[in-house]
Protein backbone atom coordinates (compact mmCIF):
# COMPACT_ATOMS: atom_id res chain seq x y z
CA MET A 1 45.21 1.40 53.29
CA SER A 2 46.72 0.17 56.70
CA LEU A 3 49.13 -3.12 54.98
CA ASP A 4 51.90 -4.45 57.20
CA ARG A 5 53.42 -7.56 57.11
CA ARG A 6 52.67 -10.30 60.43
CA ASP A 7 54.92 -13.14 60.34
CA GLY A 8 55.83 -12.44 56.91
CA ILE A 9 52.10 -12.58 55.15
CA LEU A 10 51.17 -9.40 53.79
CA ALA A 11 47.75 -8.35 56.19
CA LEU A 12 45.21 -5.43 55.45
CA ASP A 13 44.01 -3.87 58.73
CA GLY A 14 45.75 -6.40 60.89
CA LEU A 15 44.25 -9.92 58.84
CA LYS A 16 46.25 -11.76 56.85
CA LEU A 17 45.21 -11.74 53.95
CA SER A 18 46.34 -15.48 53.35
CA GLU A 19 43.89 -16.23 55.99
CA VAL A 20 41.44 -14.20 53.99
CA ALA A 21 42.08 -16.09 50.42
CA GLU A 22 41.63 -19.35 52.91
CA THR A 23 38.44 -18.53 54.31
CA PHE A 24 36.41 -16.84 50.95
CA GLY A 25 38.79 -18.46 48.00
CA THR A 26 40.21 -16.47 45.09
CA PRO A 27 39.96 -14.12 43.01
CA CYS A 28 38.56 -11.81 45.68
CA TYR A 29 38.04 -8.57 46.13
CA VAL A 30 39.00 -6.89 50.16
CA TYR A 31 38.33 -3.57 50.85
CA SER A 32 39.33 -1.63 53.85
CA ALA A 33 36.26 -0.02 55.64
CA ALA A 34 38.42 1.99 57.90
CA SER A 35 40.21 3.28 54.85
CA ILE A 36 37.37 4.27 52.92
CA ILE A 37 36.15 6.66 56.10
CA ARG A 38 39.77 8.06 56.15
CA ASN A 39 39.14 8.83 52.60
CA TYR A 40 36.42 10.32 52.92
CA GLN A 41 36.86 12.45 55.94
CA ALA A 42 40.10 13.63 54.20
CA PHE A 43 37.83 15.35 52.17
CA GLU A 44 35.36 16.63 54.93
CA HIS A 45 38.46 18.16 56.65
CA ALA A 46 40.22 19.62 53.40
CA PHE A 47 37.10 21.86 52.67
CA ALA A 48 35.43 22.17 56.56
CA GLU A 49 35.20 25.83 56.02
CA ILE A 50 33.18 25.97 52.45
CA ASN A 51 31.12 22.61 53.62
CA PRO A 52 30.15 21.55 50.20
CA LEU A 53 28.02 18.71 49.44
CA ILE A 54 30.14 15.73 48.56
CA CYS A 55 28.70 13.37 46.41
CA TYR A 56 30.42 10.23 46.32
CA ALA A 57 30.61 9.14 42.33
CA VAL A 58 28.59 5.66 42.88
CA LYS A 59 30.48 4.32 39.58
CA ALA A 60 33.89 3.99 40.96
CA ASN A 61 32.63 1.30 43.64
CA SER A 62 28.86 0.82 43.73
CA ASN A 63 28.47 -2.47 46.14
CA LEU A 64 25.56 -1.84 48.87
CA SER A 65 27.78 -2.12 52.05
CA ILE A 66 29.87 0.19 51.09
CA LEU A 67 27.23 2.78 49.66
CA ALA A 68 25.69 2.00 53.27
CA LEU A 69 28.98 3.03 55.06
CA LEU A 70 29.18 6.37 53.37
CA ALA A 71 25.48 7.17 53.50
CA SER A 72 25.95 6.73 57.45
CA MET A 73 28.70 9.81 57.27
CA GLY A 74 26.24 11.99 55.45
CA ALA A 75 27.72 11.48 51.88
CA GLY A 76 25.40 12.39 48.95
CA PHE A 77 25.70 10.53 45.93
CA ASP A 78 26.62 11.53 41.99
CA ILE A 79 24.32 8.68 39.96
CA VAL A 80 24.52 8.00 36.33
CA SER A 81 21.40 5.37 36.01
CA SER A 82 18.29 4.16 37.29
CA GLY A 83 20.22 1.44 38.98
CA GLU A 84 22.82 3.36 40.83
CA LEU A 85 19.75 5.52 42.50
CA GLU A 86 17.95 2.36 43.13
CA ARG A 87 21.59 0.68 44.81
CA VAL A 88 21.47 4.78 46.73
CA ARG A 89 18.04 4.13 48.02
CA LEU A 90 18.40 0.26 48.98
CA ALA A 91 21.59 1.41 50.86
CA GLY A 92 20.13 4.16 52.73
CA GLY A 93 21.38 7.17 50.85
CA SER A 94 19.25 10.00 50.09
CA PRO A 95 17.97 11.00 46.67
CA GLN A 96 17.68 14.83 48.00
CA ARG A 97 21.27 14.18 48.60
CA SER A 98 22.11 13.34 44.82
CA VAL A 99 23.13 14.54 41.97
CA PHE A 100 22.02 12.59 38.42
CA SER A 101 24.98 13.39 35.79
CA GLY A 102 25.56 11.31 32.40
CA VAL A 103 24.80 12.18 28.93
CA GLY A 104 22.45 9.65 27.92
CA LYS A 105 19.00 9.99 30.09
CA THR A 106 16.61 8.23 29.19
CA ALA A 107 12.95 8.99 29.71
CA ARG A 108 12.52 6.29 32.21
CA GLU A 109 15.45 7.37 33.94
CA ILE A 110 14.05 10.89 34.07
CA GLN A 111 11.09 9.80 35.50
CA ASP A 112 12.42 7.86 38.57
CA ALA A 113 14.72 10.95 39.40
CA LEU A 114 11.90 13.09 39.38
CA ARG A 115 9.81 10.98 41.27
CA GLU A 116 12.22 10.71 43.93
CA ASP A 117 13.18 14.46 44.35
CA ILE A 118 16.70 14.50 43.22
CA HIS A 119 18.80 17.01 44.54
CA CYS A 120 19.70 18.16 40.86
CA PHE A 121 20.37 16.88 37.29
CA ASN A 122 23.38 17.81 35.75
CA VAL A 123 22.40 18.32 32.18
CA GLU A 124 24.64 17.59 28.87
CA SER A 125 22.93 18.95 25.95
CA GLU A 126 19.92 20.55 24.74
CA ALA A 127 18.16 17.85 23.43
CA GLU A 128 18.59 16.57 26.96
CA LEU A 129 17.22 19.75 28.47
CA SER A 130 14.35 19.50 26.28
CA ALA A 131 13.06 16.18 27.58
CA LEU A 132 13.67 16.75 31.20
CA ALA A 133 11.22 19.92 30.80
CA ARG A 134 8.78 18.12 28.57
CA ILE A 135 8.85 15.14 31.37
CA ALA A 136 8.86 17.50 34.45
CA GLU A 137 5.47 19.31 32.55
CA ASP A 138 3.88 16.15 32.02
CA ALA A 139 4.55 15.01 36.00
CA GLN A 140 3.54 18.85 37.36
CA LEU A 141 6.92 18.99 38.96
CA ILE A 142 10.09 21.37 38.68
CA ALA A 143 12.90 20.08 37.87
CA PRO A 144 16.84 21.40 39.53
CA VAL A 145 19.09 21.83 36.60
CA SER A 146 22.98 22.57 36.46
CA LEU A 147 24.36 22.93 33.06
CA ARG A 148 27.39 20.54 32.71
CA VAL A 149 29.74 22.90 30.40
CA ASN A 150 32.67 21.73 28.72
CA PRO A 151 35.70 23.94 29.68
CA ASP A 152 38.18 22.36 27.36
CA VAL A 153 40.64 22.11 29.68
CA ASP A 154 43.70 19.57 29.57
CA PRO A 155 43.60 17.38 32.52
CA LYS A 156 46.94 15.62 31.59
CA THR A 157 45.17 12.17 31.93
CA HIS A 158 44.65 8.81 30.06
CA PRO A 159 42.27 9.98 26.91
CA TYR A 160 40.01 7.61 27.26
CA ILE A 161 39.17 9.49 31.05
CA ALA A 162 39.73 12.87 29.77
CA THR A 163 36.46 14.24 29.72
CA GLY A 164 36.47 18.39 29.69
CA LEU A 165 37.91 18.49 25.82
CA LYS A 166 36.25 20.18 23.24
CA GLU A 167 36.37 17.06 21.24
CA ALA A 168 34.83 14.96 24.05
CA LYS A 169 31.16 13.87 24.24
CA PHE A 170 30.38 15.24 27.54
CA GLY A 171 28.83 19.07 27.97
CA VAL A 172 27.66 21.93 26.35
CA SER A 173 30.61 24.20 25.24
CA MET A 174 30.91 27.50 26.88
CA GLN A 175 29.76 29.42 24.15
CA GLN A 176 26.39 27.89 24.04
CA ALA A 177 25.95 27.82 27.57
CA GLU A 178 24.71 31.45 28.03
CA ARG A 179 22.23 31.39 25.79
CA ILE A 180 20.48 27.50 26.82
CA TYR A 181 20.66 29.32 30.31
CA GLN A 182 18.65 31.81 29.49
CA GLU A 183 16.04 29.68 27.58
CA ALA A 184 16.11 27.15 30.26
CA ALA A 185 15.59 29.62 32.64
CA LYS A 186 11.97 31.03 30.77
CA HIS A 187 10.69 27.44 31.17
CA PRO A 188 7.86 26.88 34.06
CA HIS A 189 9.22 23.28 34.76
CA LEU A 190 12.74 24.41 35.07
CA ARG A 191 14.91 25.93 37.84
CA MET A 192 18.24 26.62 36.95
CA VAL A 193 20.15 26.24 39.93
CA GLY A 194 23.72 25.39 39.16
CA ILE A 195 26.68 24.91 36.88
CA ASP A 196 28.91 21.79 36.82
CA CYS A 197 32.06 20.45 35.30
CA HIS A 198 33.99 16.68 35.20
CA ILE A 199 37.25 17.66 33.64
CA GLY A 200 38.59 13.60 33.49
CA SER A 201 39.93 11.55 36.30
CA GLN A 202 42.98 10.00 38.14
CA ILE A 203 44.26 13.97 37.94
CA THR A 204 47.27 14.60 40.28
CA GLU A 205 48.03 18.36 39.53
CA ILE A 206 45.83 21.25 40.84
CA GLU A 207 46.20 23.83 37.41
CA PRO A 208 43.43 22.11 35.80
CA TYR A 209 40.80 22.40 38.54
CA LEU A 210 41.62 26.17 39.01
CA GLU A 211 41.55 26.40 34.62
CA ALA A 212 38.18 24.49 34.78
CA ALA A 213 36.98 26.64 38.22
CA THR A 214 38.10 30.10 36.54
CA ARG A 215 35.81 29.29 33.56
CA LEU A 216 32.68 28.49 35.56
CA PHE A 217 33.39 31.49 37.90
CA GLU A 218 32.98 34.34 34.58
CA MET A 219 29.83 32.17 33.46
CA VAL A 220 28.04 32.32 36.97
CA ASP A 221 29.07 36.19 36.10
CA GLN A 222 28.20 36.78 33.27
CA LEU A 223 24.70 35.06 34.13
CA THR A 224 24.41 37.10 37.26
CA LYS A 225 24.83 40.31 35.24
CA THR A 226 21.89 39.45 33.01
CA GLY A 227 19.46 38.29 36.36
CA LEU A 228 19.94 34.75 36.64
CA GLN A 229 21.48 33.55 40.47
CA LEU A 230 22.85 30.29 40.42
CA GLN A 231 23.45 28.27 43.49
CA HIS A 232 25.96 26.05 43.55
CA VAL A 233 29.26 25.06 41.57
CA ASP A 234 29.57 21.81 40.82
CA LEU A 235 33.65 20.83 40.02
CA GLY A 236 33.00 16.89 39.43
CA GLY A 237 35.48 14.70 41.20
CA GLY A 238 38.41 13.07 39.44
CA MET A 239 41.48 13.67 41.84
CA GLY A 240 43.70 11.17 41.44
CA ILE A 241 45.56 8.51 43.49
CA ARG A 242 48.84 7.27 43.98
CA TYR A 243 48.95 3.91 41.74
CA GLN A 244 52.83 4.53 41.53
CA ASN A 245 54.37 7.50 42.05
CA GLU A 246 52.21 10.02 41.55
CA PRO A 247 52.32 13.16 43.75
CA ALA A 248 49.45 13.20 46.43
CA PHE A 249 46.39 15.59 45.34
CA PRO A 250 46.23 19.09 47.06
CA LEU A 251 43.10 19.00 48.35
CA GLU A 252 43.50 22.11 51.14
CA GLU A 253 45.24 23.80 48.29
CA LEU A 254 42.32 23.80 45.94
CA ALA A 255 39.90 24.10 49.06
CA ARG A 256 42.04 27.64 49.91
CA TRP A 257 42.12 29.03 46.08
CA LEU A 258 38.12 28.19 46.32
CA LYS A 259 36.73 29.53 49.27
CA PRO A 260 37.26 33.43 48.77
CA ARG A 261 35.29 33.02 44.84
CA LEU A 262 32.43 30.50 46.50
CA ASP A 263 32.16 33.34 49.11
CA GLU A 264 32.27 36.05 46.97
CA ARG A 265 29.24 34.99 44.16
CA GLN A 266 27.63 32.94 47.62
CA LEU A 267 28.16 29.96 45.82
CA GLU A 268 27.52 26.26 47.49
CA LEU A 269 30.13 24.03 46.15
CA ILE A 270 29.60 20.48 45.23
CA LEU A 271 32.32 17.68 44.61
CA GLU A 272 31.79 14.23 43.08
CA PRO A 273 34.64 12.18 44.70
CA GLY A 274 34.79 8.59 43.56
CA ARG A 275 38.33 6.83 42.74
CA SER A 276 39.88 8.74 45.49
CA ILE A 277 37.64 7.19 48.15
CA VAL A 278 37.84 3.93 47.19
CA ALA A 279 40.62 2.99 44.95
CA ASP A 280 43.30 2.61 47.47
CA SER A 281 40.84 1.07 49.94
CA GLY A 282 40.64 -2.45 48.42
CA LEU A 283 43.04 -4.78 46.49
CA LEU A 284 42.21 -8.11 44.45
CA ILE A 285 43.53 -11.26 45.90
CA THR A 286 44.68 -13.71 42.65
CA GLU A 287 46.03 -17.43 43.30
CA VAL A 288 49.21 -18.67 41.44
CA LEU A 289 48.45 -21.57 38.82
CA TYR A 290 51.21 -22.43 36.76
CA ILE A 291 54.92 -20.65 36.20
CA LYS A 292 55.56 -20.73 32.92
CA SER A 293 58.81 -19.92 30.82
CA SER A 294 59.84 -19.81 27.63
CA GLU A 295 63.09 -18.30 25.92
CA ASP A 296 61.91 -14.63 26.18
CA LYS A 297 59.39 -14.78 28.49
CA HIS A 298 58.28 -15.77 32.27
CA PHE A 299 54.35 -15.73 32.91
CA CYS A 300 53.20 -15.85 36.04
CA VAL A 301 49.65 -17.11 35.43
CA VAL A 302 47.01 -16.67 38.06
CA ASP A 303 43.28 -17.23 38.72
CA ALA A 304 42.17 -13.61 38.11
CA ALA A 305 41.91 -12.36 34.49
CA MET A 306 40.61 -9.36 32.34
CA ASN A 307 37.19 -9.84 33.20
CA ASP A 308 38.17 -9.45 36.96
CA LEU A 309 40.18 -6.25 36.73
CA ILE A 310 40.04 -4.97 33.09
CA ARG A 311 42.13 -1.67 34.13
CA PRO A 312 45.54 -2.95 32.81
CA SER A 313 44.47 -4.24 29.53
CA LEU A 314 41.71 -1.01 28.97
CA TYR A 315 43.75 1.74 30.24
CA ASN A 316 47.26 0.06 30.34
CA ALA A 317 46.89 0.95 33.59
CA TRP A 318 49.46 0.46 36.74
CA GLN A 319 48.79 -1.32 39.63
CA LYS A 320 51.35 -2.68 42.69
CA ILE A 321 51.28 -6.02 43.02
CA GLU A 322 52.80 -8.13 46.30
CA SER A 323 53.53 -11.14 46.95
CA ILE A 324 51.21 -12.48 50.02
CA GLU A 325 53.09 -15.37 51.67
CA PRO A 326 56.81 -15.02 51.66
CA ALA A 327 59.09 -16.57 48.79
CA GLY A 328 60.26 -20.44 49.25
CA THR A 329 63.88 -21.17 49.53
CA ASP A 330 63.51 -23.24 45.95
CA THR A 331 62.30 -19.78 44.30
CA GLU A 332 64.17 -17.08 43.13
CA ALA A 333 62.72 -13.32 41.90
CA LEU A 334 62.18 -13.11 38.23
CA HIS A 335 60.35 -10.47 35.92
CA TYR A 336 56.51 -11.87 35.39
CA ASP A 337 54.25 -11.04 32.90
CA VAL A 338 51.29 -11.48 35.40
CA VAL A 339 48.29 -13.11 33.12
CA GLY A 340 45.13 -14.75 33.67
CA PRO A 341 43.42 -17.09 32.06
CA ILE A 342 41.07 -15.59 29.40
CA CYS A 343 41.80 -16.22 25.72
CA GLU A 344 43.14 -13.27 24.96
CA THR A 345 46.64 -11.95 24.45
CA GLY A 346 45.60 -8.67 25.97
CA ASP A 347 44.44 -10.61 28.99
CA PHE A 348 47.07 -9.34 31.92
CA LEU A 349 46.90 -7.35 35.21
CA ALA A 350 50.66 -6.14 34.97
CA LYS A 351 54.04 -6.50 32.44
CA ASP A 352 57.39 -7.30 33.16
CA ARG A 353 57.29 -7.51 37.71
CA LEU A 354 59.79 -8.39 39.64
CA LEU A 355 58.51 -11.18 41.64
CA ASN A 356 59.50 -14.28 44.15
CA THR A 357 56.44 -16.75 43.91
CA ALA A 358 55.35 -20.31 43.07
CA ALA A 359 52.57 -22.02 41.94
CA GLY A 360 49.93 -22.37 45.07
CA GLN A 361 51.12 -18.91 46.56
CA ARG A 362 49.02 -15.88 46.19
CA LEU A 363 48.86 -11.85 45.41
CA ALA A 364 47.74 -9.17 45.96
CA VAL A 365 46.72 -6.16 43.42
CA LEU A 366 47.09 -3.26 45.43
CA ASP A 367 45.09 -0.06 44.66
CA ALA A 368 41.50 -1.88 43.32
CA GLY A 369 38.60 -0.33 45.00
CA ALA A 370 37.68 1.76 41.87
CA TYR A 371 37.01 0.59 38.52
CA GLY A 372 37.32 -3.15 39.44
CA PHE A 373 34.36 -5.44 40.23
CA VAL A 374 32.10 -2.51 39.14
CA MET A 375 33.80 -3.23 35.29
CA SER A 376 33.89 -6.62 35.80
CA SER A 377 32.33 -9.18 33.48
CA ASN A 378 31.19 -13.38 32.66
CA TYR A 379 33.52 -13.04 29.61
CA ASN A 380 34.51 -17.10 28.81
CA SER A 381 31.91 -17.54 30.83
CA ARG A 382 33.76 -16.79 34.40
CA PRO A 383 31.82 -16.17 37.15
CA ARG A 384 32.49 -12.78 39.12
CA ALA A 385 34.62 -12.74 42.35
CA ALA A 386 33.75 -12.56 45.68
CA GLU A 387 33.67 -9.12 47.92
CA ILE A 388 34.84 -9.00 51.06
CA LEU A 389 34.89 -5.58 53.17
CA ILE A 390 37.12 -5.38 56.39
CA GLU A 391 35.50 -4.01 59.39
CA ALA A 392 36.00 -3.37 63.02
CA GLY A 393 39.24 -6.46 62.79
CA THR A 394 36.12 -9.00 60.78
CA ALA A 395 36.03 -9.87 57.54
CA ARG A 396 32.59 -10.58 56.14
CA VAL A 397 31.41 -11.29 52.70
CA ILE A 398 29.46 -8.25 50.78
CA ARG A 399 28.78 -9.92 47.89
CA PRO A 400 29.01 -13.77 47.46
CA ARG A 401 31.06 -15.46 44.56
CA GLU A 402 29.38 -15.34 41.80
CA SER A 403 27.96 -19.38 40.94
CA LEU A 404 28.02 -21.53 37.50
CA SER A 405 24.07 -22.01 38.33
CA ALA A 406 23.81 -17.95 38.32
CA LEU A 407 25.57 -17.32 34.97
CA VAL A 408 22.84 -19.56 32.96
CA LYS A 409 19.55 -19.23 35.64
CA ASP A 410 18.14 -16.38 32.96
CA GLU A 411 18.50 -18.27 30.17
CA LEU A 412 17.40 -22.13 31.24
CA GLY A 413 13.52 -21.06 30.78
CA CYS A 414 14.55 -19.34 27.18
CA LEU A 415 15.74 -23.38 26.16
CA THR A 416 13.48 -24.83 23.58
CA SER A 417 13.51 -28.76 22.54
CA SER A 418 14.63 -29.51 18.85
């Protein structure tokens, strides 16, 4: 995103974040439409000679306005629930350009996706494939299927987001895959169109992708020998961003490696980027409530908490924090734990950060556009934050701050008198 200082005030796309905070309150998520567009176009440009179907992973950030922006650019979508399918539809996206991933699709979700003519089901188990075949037969429809295989590749990322190892719950083993393909290809209501994998998230090295793709191509070749010709290879997403000192992911290098191998086999390519499109396009603004010091620690208590941004608590994730306003002359830079109001020791946004700040000032937690608001909750009965989009020099609300009345409205009708 485009951050700079205007009169000492941190600004995003030319708008001072202090003014955004004054207008919309805190905590609030703020996204840059220009950055989202640039990041999506980076995939288009890097893979221009391949012309893949780029399916944005809705789970990264599912706000309707962001989905509509991506749909207007021609993006497809990677969904994992009927709720995400409905969001894609409402945002003007095309189910015919969307893939349905996820290890636990319900019968209702399968029915919904079949009815919407989904581009492909990324099937993760034999049991799911059997359910899909039965539901498609009952509906007298043909389900397009890509089998998600588990290539047992170490993505060298956090274990919670490593999804391509053999002990992960995702996909089927390479040893099982050929038999499953051959059996499924005989079913009149299944059409085996692809093969896919997703090895993890926040991956910054190219080697795990090359290793996984090599194994997928080997499977494609083996299936071709038996007479089963697939149409596409789906390499998933997971390309990392630079939260701290990580290297930039080499999209162009991956595209160059893939092109001759795809051409040789006459295969289309599907990609499912999420974090790499929106993570560094968003930030979280929070206000400092109190400065608290003890003999051993300095705490910066802010109005955002783990219910607003759980990544630091859940993954021990590191995200840069910057002061929005210039420091006062009566403050000094200290090493703070930046913590929220929630009654959990695990409620922190950062540990041991050098900040020059004071009560009443605002901080920006950067690179918060992915897995921020979408993972937020109402823990401690805290309303969820507002979401703001900066587009063409103007900031607008794309999700209003949740009200206290909204927290309890569905429960009020369930109250009974004693």
